[in-house]
N, C-alpha and C. Protein backbone atom coordinates (compact mmCIF):
# COMPACT_ATOMS: atom_id res chain seq x y z
N MET A 1 10.22 -14.44 4.93
CA MET A 1 9.22 -14.81 5.86
C MET A 1 8.81 -13.10 6.73
N ALA A 2 7.31 -13.42 6.40
CA ALA A 2 6.53 -12.36 7.14
C ALA A 2 6.83 -11.87 8.43
N ASP A 3 6.66 -10.62 9.09
CA ASP A 3 6.64 -9.94 10.67
C ASP A 3 5.37 -10.02 10.80
N ARG A 4 5.04 -10.49 12.17
CA ARG A 4 3.78 -10.37 12.45
C ARG A 4 3.87 -8.92 13.30
N ARG A 5 2.48 -8.78 13.33
CA ARG A 5 2.49 -6.85 13.97
C ARG A 5 2.20 -7.62 15.83
N THR A 6 3.50 -6.68 16.32
CA THR A 6 3.37 -6.67 17.62
C THR A 6 3.08 -5.65 18.69
N VAL A 7 2.80 -6.12 19.96
CA VAL A 7 2.30 -4.74 20.78
C VAL A 7 2.82 -4.94 22.01
N ARG A 8 3.15 -3.81 22.69
CA ARG A 8 3.40 -4.05 24.40
C ARG A 8 2.06 -4.55 24.86
N CYS A 9 2.26 -5.38 25.89
CA CYS A 9 1.33 -6.06 27.03
C CYS A 9 1.00 -4.43 27.85
N LEU A 10 -0.22 -4.58 28.38
CA LEU A 10 -0.56 -3.67 29.22
C LEU A 10 -0.43 -3.64 30.53
N GLY A 11 0.01 -4.97 30.79
CA GLY A 11 0.45 -5.34 32.38
C GLY A 11 1.86 -5.73 32.35
N CYS A 12 2.11 -6.20 31.39
CA CYS A 12 4.04 -6.39 32.15
C CYS A 12 4.49 -5.84 30.83
N GLU A 13 4.37 -4.75 29.79
CA GLU A 13 4.68 -4.49 28.80
C GLU A 13 6.18 -5.17 27.78
N GLU A 14 5.38 -6.57 27.99
CA GLU A 14 6.69 -7.47 27.09
C GLU A 14 5.99 -7.66 26.01
N VAL A 15 6.81 -7.36 24.89
CA VAL A 15 6.14 -7.75 23.12
C VAL A 15 5.57 -9.02 22.82
N ILE A 16 3.88 -8.88 22.65
CA ILE A 16 3.43 -9.89 22.04
C ILE A 16 2.61 -9.77 20.97
N ASP A 17 2.29 -11.00 20.44
CA ASP A 17 1.49 -10.72 19.14
C ASP A 17 0.61 -9.89 19.16
N ALA A 18 0.18 -8.95 18.12
CA ALA A 18 -0.62 -7.82 18.31
C ALA A 18 -2.55 -8.73 18.20
N ASP A 19 -2.28 -9.88 17.99
CA ASP A 19 -3.96 -10.52 18.12
C ASP A 19 -3.69 -11.47 19.23
N ALA A 20 -3.08 -11.34 19.95
CA ALA A 20 -2.87 -12.26 21.48
C ALA A 20 -4.32 -11.48 22.37
N ARG A 21 -5.00 -12.37 22.82
CA ARG A 21 -5.97 -11.70 23.60
C ARG A 21 -5.71 -11.47 25.26
N VAL A 22 -4.73 -13.02 25.30
CA VAL A 22 -4.45 -12.81 26.81
C VAL A 22 -2.85 -12.81 26.70
N CYS A 23 -1.68 -12.37 27.32
CA CYS A 23 -0.51 -12.01 27.46
C CYS A 23 0.13 -13.08 28.03
N PRO A 24 0.92 -14.25 27.43
CA PRO A 24 1.59 -15.60 27.47
C PRO A 24 2.54 -15.15 28.72
N HIS A 25 3.09 -14.19 28.90
CA HIS A 25 3.93 -13.58 29.81
C HIS A 25 3.08 -14.07 31.12
N CYS A 26 2.10 -12.58 31.69
CA CYS A 26 1.75 -12.72 32.53
C CYS A 26 0.52 -13.14 32.69
N GLY A 27 -0.16 -13.09 31.30
CA GLY A 27 -1.70 -13.50 31.65
C GLY A 27 -2.77 -12.33 31.66
N GLU A 28 -2.44 -11.22 31.60
CA GLU A 28 -3.39 -9.62 31.67
C GLU A 28 -4.48 -10.14 29.99
N LEU A 29 -5.55 -9.92 30.61
CA LEU A 29 -6.35 -9.87 29.62
C LEU A 29 -6.29 -8.35 28.74
N GLN A 30 -5.74 -8.56 27.57
CA GLN A 30 -5.72 -7.24 26.37
C GLN A 30 -6.86 -6.74 25.77
N PRO A 31 -7.16 -5.48 25.73
CA PRO A 31 -8.30 -5.05 25.14
C PRO A 31 -8.78 -5.58 23.75
N THR A 32 -10.01 -5.74 23.15
CA THR A 32 -10.28 -5.97 21.92
C THR A 32 -11.20 -4.72 21.45
N PRO A 33 -10.89 -4.30 20.37
CA PRO A 33 -12.15 -3.44 20.32
C PRO A 33 -13.22 -3.32 19.22
N ILE A 34 -13.07 -4.75 19.72
CA ILE A 34 -14.83 -5.37 18.97
C ILE A 34 -15.80 -4.71 19.95
N LEU A 35 -15.13 -5.30 21.28
CA LEU A 35 -16.24 -4.85 22.42
C LEU A 35 -16.88 -3.71 22.46
N ALA A 36 -15.51 -2.47 22.51
CA ALA A 36 -16.37 -1.38 22.39
C ALA A 36 -16.91 -1.10 20.88
N ALA A 37 -16.65 -1.50 20.13
CA ALA A 37 -17.46 -0.93 18.85
C ALA A 37 -18.90 -1.81 19.16
N GLY A 38 -19.24 -2.93 19.49
CA GLY A 38 -20.11 -3.29 20.22
C GLY A 38 -21.10 -2.19 20.95
N ALA A 39 -20.43 -1.94 21.62
CA ALA A 39 -21.07 -0.82 22.75
C ALA A 39 -21.58 0.66 22.44
N VAL A 40 -20.46 0.53 20.96
CA VAL A 40 -20.98 2.13 20.22
C VAL A 40 -22.12 2.04 19.68
N VAL A 41 -22.35 0.48 18.65
CA VAL A 41 -23.50 0.34 17.87
C VAL A 41 -24.57 -0.13 19.02
N ILE A 42 -25.04 -0.41 20.04
CA ILE A 42 -25.59 -0.93 20.74
C ILE A 42 -26.43 0.63 21.48
N GLY A 43 -25.56 0.96 22.05
CA GLY A 43 -25.99 2.59 22.33
C GLY A 43 -26.49 3.17 20.99
N VAL A 44 -25.94 3.54 20.25
CA VAL A 44 -26.42 4.40 19.16
C VAL A 44 -28.29 3.59 18.78
N PHE A 45 -27.91 2.36 18.38
CA PHE A 45 -29.24 2.07 18.33
C PHE A 45 -30.54 2.15 19.05
N ALA A 46 -29.83 2.05 21.17
CA ALA A 46 -30.59 2.39 22.15
C ALA A 46 -30.91 4.05 22.38
N PHE A 47 -30.12 4.85 22.04
CA PHE A 47 -30.09 6.06 21.76
C PHE A 47 -31.67 6.54 20.71
N LEU A 48 -31.25 6.30 19.76
CA LEU A 48 -32.26 6.25 18.42
C LEU A 48 -33.58 5.89 18.90
N PHE A 49 -33.67 4.50 19.50
CA PHE A 49 -34.96 3.98 19.46
C PHE A 49 -35.47 4.85 20.57
N GLY A 50 -35.10 4.80 21.58
CA GLY A 50 -35.46 5.63 23.05
C GLY A 50 -35.82 6.95 22.74
N PHE A 51 -35.29 7.78 21.97
CA PHE A 51 -35.59 9.56 21.27
C PHE A 51 -36.79 9.10 20.92
N LEU A 52 -37.19 8.14 19.80
CA LEU A 52 -38.49 7.86 18.82
C LEU A 52 -39.94 7.82 20.06
N LEU A 53 -39.09 6.44 20.75
CA LEU A 53 -40.15 5.72 22.15
C LEU A 53 -40.64 7.37 23.16
N GLY A 54 -39.63 8.07 23.49
CA GLY A 54 -39.92 9.24 24.04
C GLY A 54 -40.77 10.42 23.45
N ALA A 55 -40.31 10.50 22.47
CA ALA A 55 -40.84 11.56 21.87
C ALA A 55 -42.38 11.65 21.25
N PHE A 56 -42.49 10.20 20.21
CA PHE A 56 -43.67 9.97 20.50
C PHE A 56 -45.13 8.95 21.12
N THR A 57 -44.64 8.83 21.95
CA THR A 57 -45.24 8.01 23.63
C THR A 57 -45.77 8.90 24.39
N VAL A 58 -46.96 8.65 25.66
CA VAL A 58 -47.27 9.54 26.27
C VAL A 58 -47.23 8.86 27.61
N GLY A 59 -47.15 9.15 28.85
CA GLY A 59 -47.22 8.30 30.05
C GLY A 59 -45.80 8.07 30.49
N LEU A 60 -45.95 6.61 30.80
CA LEU A 60 -45.09 5.64 31.29
C LEU A 60 -43.73 5.34 30.35
N THR A 61 -44.15 5.10 29.24
CA THR A 61 -43.67 5.10 27.83
C THR A 61 -42.57 5.75 27.35
N ARG A 62 -43.01 7.12 27.45
CA ARG A 62 -42.56 8.42 27.15
C ARG A 62 -41.13 8.48 28.05
N TRP A 63 -41.51 8.17 29.78
CA TRP A 63 -40.23 8.45 30.52
C TRP A 63 -39.24 7.44 30.14
N ILE A 64 -40.04 5.99 29.87
CA ILE A 64 -39.44 4.87 29.30
C ILE A 64 -37.95 5.03 28.40
N GLY A 65 -38.96 5.44 27.14
CA GLY A 65 -37.89 5.92 26.09
C GLY A 65 -36.79 6.85 26.29
N PHE A 66 -37.53 8.16 26.96
CA PHE A 66 -36.06 9.14 27.83
C PHE A 66 -34.97 8.42 28.19
N THR A 67 -35.39 7.98 29.02
CA THR A 67 -34.47 6.71 29.90
C THR A 67 -33.51 5.90 29.14
N LEU A 68 -34.02 5.01 28.08
CA LEU A 68 -33.17 4.59 27.36
C LEU A 68 -32.72 5.54 26.48
N ALA A 69 -33.10 6.11 26.52
CA ALA A 69 -31.86 7.51 25.14
C ALA A 69 -30.77 7.89 26.07
N VAL A 70 -31.27 8.27 26.96
CA VAL A 70 -29.91 8.44 27.84
C VAL A 70 -29.08 7.05 27.85
N VAL A 71 -29.66 6.09 28.30
CA VAL A 71 -28.52 5.34 28.45
C VAL A 71 -27.84 4.71 27.46
N GLY A 72 -28.36 4.86 26.40
CA GLY A 72 -27.65 4.64 24.90
C GLY A 72 -27.12 5.77 24.84
N PHE A 73 -26.88 6.90 25.00
CA PHE A 73 -26.29 7.78 24.59
C PHE A 73 -24.92 7.65 25.88
N GLY A 74 -24.89 7.26 26.89
CA GLY A 74 -23.75 6.66 27.55
C GLY A 74 -22.97 5.67 27.18
N LEU A 75 -23.53 4.50 26.43
CA LEU A 75 -23.22 3.07 26.41
C LEU A 75 -22.49 3.83 24.77
N ALA A 76 -23.01 4.74 24.01
CA ALA A 76 -22.14 4.89 22.51
C ALA A 76 -20.99 5.93 22.99
N VAL A 77 -20.84 7.05 23.84
CA VAL A 77 -19.56 7.36 24.26
C VAL A 77 -18.99 6.71 25.10
N GLY A 78 -19.41 6.37 25.80
CA GLY A 78 -18.35 5.37 26.88
C GLY A 78 -17.40 4.45 25.71
N GLY A 79 -18.07 3.43 25.13
CA GLY A 79 -17.94 2.62 24.09
C GLY A 79 -16.94 3.52 23.76
N TYR A 80 -17.04 4.46 22.96
CA TYR A 80 -15.81 5.15 21.61
C TYR A 80 -14.75 5.79 22.48
N THR A 81 -15.11 6.45 23.52
CA THR A 81 -14.09 6.48 24.63
C THR A 81 -12.99 5.54 25.17
N SER A 82 -13.79 4.14 25.10
CA SER A 82 -13.20 3.16 25.69
C SER A 82 -12.10 2.59 24.63
N TYR A 83 -12.67 2.85 23.28
CA TYR A 83 -11.89 2.46 22.46
C TYR A 83 -10.68 3.19 22.25
N LEU A 84 -10.93 4.57 21.81
CA LEU A 84 -9.99 5.52 21.85
C LEU A 84 -9.02 5.10 23.02
N ASP A 85 -9.41 4.82 24.19
CA ASP A 85 -8.37 4.79 25.15
C ASP A 85 -7.20 3.09 24.88
N SER A 86 -8.40 2.04 24.87
CA SER A 86 -7.49 0.92 24.22
C SER A 86 -6.32 1.34 23.49
N LYS A 87 -7.19 2.05 22.32
CA LYS A 87 -6.21 2.34 20.37
C LYS A 87 -4.45 3.68 21.26
N ALA A 88 -5.05 4.01 22.35
CA ALA A 88 -3.76 4.50 22.69
C ALA A 88 -2.34 4.03 23.63
N GLN A 89 -3.54 3.04 24.49
CA GLN A 89 -2.17 2.29 25.14
C GLN A 89 -1.64 1.48 24.04
N ARG A 90 -2.40 1.00 23.49
CA ARG A 90 -1.89 -0.15 22.59
C ARG A 90 -0.97 0.47 20.97
N GLY A 91 -1.12 1.62 21.63
CA GLY A 91 -0.39 2.52 20.22
C GLY A 91 1.07 2.54 19.41
N GLY A 92 1.79 2.32 20.86
CA GLY A 92 3.36 1.96 20.84
C GLY A 92 3.53 1.07 20.33
N ARG A 93 3.32 0.66 19.41
CA ARG A 93 3.91 -0.35 18.37
C ARG A 93 5.58 -0.91 18.75
N ALA A 94 5.83 -2.13 19.18
CA ALA A 94 7.10 -2.58 18.76
C ALA A 94 7.55 -2.84 17.27
N ARG A 95 8.50 -2.84 17.28
CA ARG A 95 9.28 -3.25 15.82
C ARG A 95 10.23 -4.50 16.03
């Protein structure tokens, strides 16, 4: 019989299935790396598009482009650090 991967819940520290999105013991929502990865992807595209828009246009569009680049950079860095934090918190796998 195959062992399923298990982790500890972030709320109550009980052992739960690694694929569980909600703890069956306390109801705590478990982080998913897909959301963090999505934020990184959206952030990178927003940064690149905003940089190009800001670099090759004039006037208000240039300011919008640079603002989009700053927001995109923040999303990319924030999503990546969120992914690293959730990975570190869930890093202690139960046996």
